[in-house]
Amino acid sequence: MGATVQWLIPDKVIFIHLDGDIGAADLQFIADKIDTHIKETTAEKVHVLSDELNAKRNKRDLREGISSLSWVRDPKIGWVVACESTAQYARTKILGRLTVSLLNIQYRKFGTVDDAIKFLVGRGKDMPSIQEMKDAYDTLLDKQTQDRK
């Protein structure tokens, strides 16, 4: 499984990290974890930061797993912000725009995590600083790297 889901900032930002081959089972895993986080929080809105810079997608599996994306329409979900490589972004740009308009969700794509974090910090007065978000991101990635060893 190439997906992890956890709080980046408790009760404010859920962090999804995708690494390697991603398919329908990963999408269902993500949906289940996000549903759990949403049910456990008392926050009115939570945002999602998805780091997809190292993800590879199996298009057939993803089409089959699209039904697991129902979490994006939960009223507690604020912005969903994805970080994708430039090549991936170019390939999914049109499909992404269509999906966003059909689902009526707040969604943005960025080429770097720094840009995504800057955007998220500007989404509310109760959001942490850019530095706090970057530190939390670095800490989670370091922990994931250590866990793999």
Protein backbone atom coordinates (compact mmCIF):
# COMPACT_ATOMS: atom_id res chain seq x y z
CA MET A 1 0.00 0.00 0.00
CA GLY A 2 1.43 3.36 -1.05
CA ALA A 3 -0.86 5.59 0.99
CA THR A 4 -0.74 7.02 4.51
CA VAL A 5 -3.36 9.27 6.08
CA GLN A 6 -2.91 11.16 9.34
CA TRP A 7 -3.37 14.54 10.94
CA LEU A 8 -0.81 17.11 9.80
CA ILE A 9 -2.31 19.66 12.19
CA PRO A 10 -4.81 18.02 14.59
CA ASP A 11 -8.40 19.01 13.90
CA LYS A 12 -7.32 21.34 11.08
CA VAL A 13 -5.42 19.56 8.28
CA ILE A 14 -5.49 15.89 7.25
CA PHE A 15 -2.34 14.78 5.43
CA ILE A 16 -2.38 12.17 2.66
CA HIS A 17 0.97 10.89 1.42
CA LEU A 18 0.98 8.81 -1.75
CA ASP A 19 4.11 6.97 -2.78
CA GLY A 20 4.57 4.45 -5.59
CA ASP A 21 1.75 2.62 -7.38
CA ILE A 22 -1.71 3.79 -6.32
CA GLY A 23 -4.89 1.89 -7.17
CA ALA A 24 -8.48 1.37 -6.11
CA ALA A 25 -7.55 -0.32 -2.80
CA ASP A 26 -5.47 2.73 -1.85
CA LEU A 27 -8.36 5.07 -2.61
CA GLN A 28 -10.65 3.00 -0.38
CA PHE A 29 -8.03 2.99 2.40
CA ILE A 30 -7.76 6.80 2.14
CA ALA A 31 -11.54 7.18 2.24
CA ASP A 32 -11.84 4.97 5.33
CA LYS A 33 -9.09 6.83 7.20
CA ILE A 34 -10.49 10.27 6.33
CA ASP A 35 -13.98 9.18 7.40
CA THR A 36 -12.49 8.10 10.75
CA HIS A 37 -10.71 11.44 11.22
CA ILE A 38 -13.84 13.40 10.30
CA LYS A 39 -16.00 11.43 12.74
CA GLU A 40 -13.49 11.91 15.57
CA THR A 41 -13.02 15.68 15.20
CA THR A 42 -15.17 18.39 16.71
CA ALA A 43 -13.91 20.94 14.18
CA GLU A 44 -16.45 22.46 11.82
CA LYS A 45 -14.06 22.30 8.86
CA VAL A 46 -10.90 20.37 8.12
CA HIS A 47 -8.70 20.76 5.08
CA VAL A 48 -6.84 18.02 3.23
CA LEU A 49 -3.26 18.23 1.95
CA SER A 50 -2.39 15.41 -0.44
CA ASP A 51 1.28 14.89 -1.36
CA GLU A 52 1.17 12.98 -4.66
CA LEU A 53 4.60 14.00 -5.92
CA ASN A 54 5.91 10.40 -5.95
CA ALA A 55 2.68 8.61 -6.84
CA LYS A 56 2.07 6.50 -9.93
CA ARG A 57 -1.51 5.82 -10.87
CA ASN A 58 -3.07 2.74 -12.44
CA LYS A 59 -5.83 4.35 -14.53
CA ARG A 60 -8.02 1.23 -14.68
CA ASP A 61 -7.84 0.71 -10.91
CA LEU A 62 -8.53 4.37 -10.27
CA ARG A 63 -11.66 4.32 -12.42
CA GLU A 64 -12.92 1.38 -10.37
CA GLY A 65 -12.08 3.17 -7.11
CA ILE A 66 -13.72 6.49 -7.94
CA SER A 67 -16.77 5.68 -5.77
CA SER A 68 -14.52 5.81 -2.70
CA LEU A 69 -14.13 9.57 -3.17
CA SER A 70 -17.46 10.34 -1.50
CA TRP A 71 -15.57 11.83 1.48
CA VAL A 72 -14.82 14.97 -0.57
CA ARG A 73 -18.50 15.92 -0.29
CA ASP A 74 -18.62 15.66 3.51
CA PRO A 75 -19.75 19.04 4.94
CA LYS A 76 -16.73 19.09 7.27
CA ILE A 77 -14.27 19.03 4.36
CA GLY A 78 -12.93 22.47 3.51
CA TRP A 79 -10.21 22.72 0.88
CA VAL A 80 -8.63 19.68 -0.74
CA VAL A 81 -5.15 20.64 -1.93
CA ALA A 82 -2.99 18.28 -3.98
CA CYS A 83 0.70 18.47 -4.81
CA GLU A 84 1.58 16.73 -8.08
CA SER A 85 4.63 16.55 -10.29
CA THR A 86 4.53 18.85 -13.28
CA ALA A 87 4.09 15.94 -15.71
CA GLN A 88 1.26 14.42 -13.66
CA TYR A 89 -0.42 17.80 -13.29
CA ALA A 90 -0.39 18.35 -17.06
CA ARG A 91 -2.00 14.93 -17.69
CA THR A 92 -4.76 15.31 -15.10
CA LYS A 93 -5.57 19.01 -15.44
CA ILE A 94 -8.71 18.68 -17.60
CA LEU A 95 -10.05 15.65 -15.70
CA GLY A 96 -9.40 17.47 -12.41
CA ARG A 97 -11.36 20.54 -13.49
CA LEU A 98 -14.27 18.41 -14.66
CA THR A 99 -14.33 16.40 -11.41
CA VAL A 100 -14.20 19.55 -9.28
CA SER A 101 -17.10 21.14 -11.12
CA LEU A 102 -19.20 17.96 -11.00
CA LEU A 103 -18.61 17.35 -7.29
CA ASN A 104 -18.80 21.02 -6.35
CA ILE A 105 -15.75 20.88 -4.08
CA GLN A 106 -12.99 23.33 -3.17
CA TYR A 107 -9.92 21.84 -4.83
CA ARG A 108 -6.56 23.18 -5.95
CA LYS A 109 -3.44 21.57 -7.39
CA PHE A 110 0.11 22.78 -6.87
CA GLY A 111 3.49 21.63 -8.11
CA THR A 112 5.17 21.97 -4.70
CA VAL A 113 4.25 21.31 -1.10
CA ASP A 114 5.46 24.80 -0.16
CA ASP A 115 2.95 26.41 -2.53
CA ALA A 116 0.16 24.18 -1.23
CA ILE A 117 1.00 25.04 2.38
CA LYS A 118 1.06 28.78 1.62
CA PHE A 119 -2.37 28.45 0.03
CA LEU A 120 -3.83 26.50 2.96
CA VAL A 121 -2.47 28.92 5.56
CA GLY A 122 -4.45 31.67 3.83
CA ARG A 123 -7.73 29.77 4.17
CA GLY A 124 -8.60 30.92 7.68
CA LYS A 125 -7.51 32.97 10.63
CA ASP A 126 -7.25 29.88 12.85
CA MET A 127 -4.73 28.18 10.55
CA PRO A 128 -1.17 27.71 11.81
CA SER A 129 1.75 29.65 10.36
CA ILE A 130 3.56 28.58 7.22
CA GLN A 131 6.56 27.54 9.33
CA GLU A 132 4.40 25.41 11.69
CA MET A 133 2.87 23.63 8.70
CA LYS A 134 6.27 23.04 7.07
CA ASP A 135 7.70 21.73 10.35
CA ALA A 136 4.75 19.35 10.81
CA TYR A 137 5.13 18.15 7.20
CA ASP A 138 8.87 17.54 7.61
CA THR A 139 8.31 15.71 10.91
CA LEU A 140 5.72 13.36 9.38
CA LEU A 141 7.89 12.57 6.36
CA ASP A 142 10.91 11.92 8.60
CA LYS A 143 8.83 9.57 10.74
CA GLN A 144 7.55 7.70 7.67
CA THR A 145 11.11 7.31 6.39
CA GLN A 146 12.29 5.95 9.75
CA ASP A 147 9.31 3.55 9.94
CA ARG A 148 10.28 2.05 6.57
CA LYS A 149 13.82 1.24 7.72
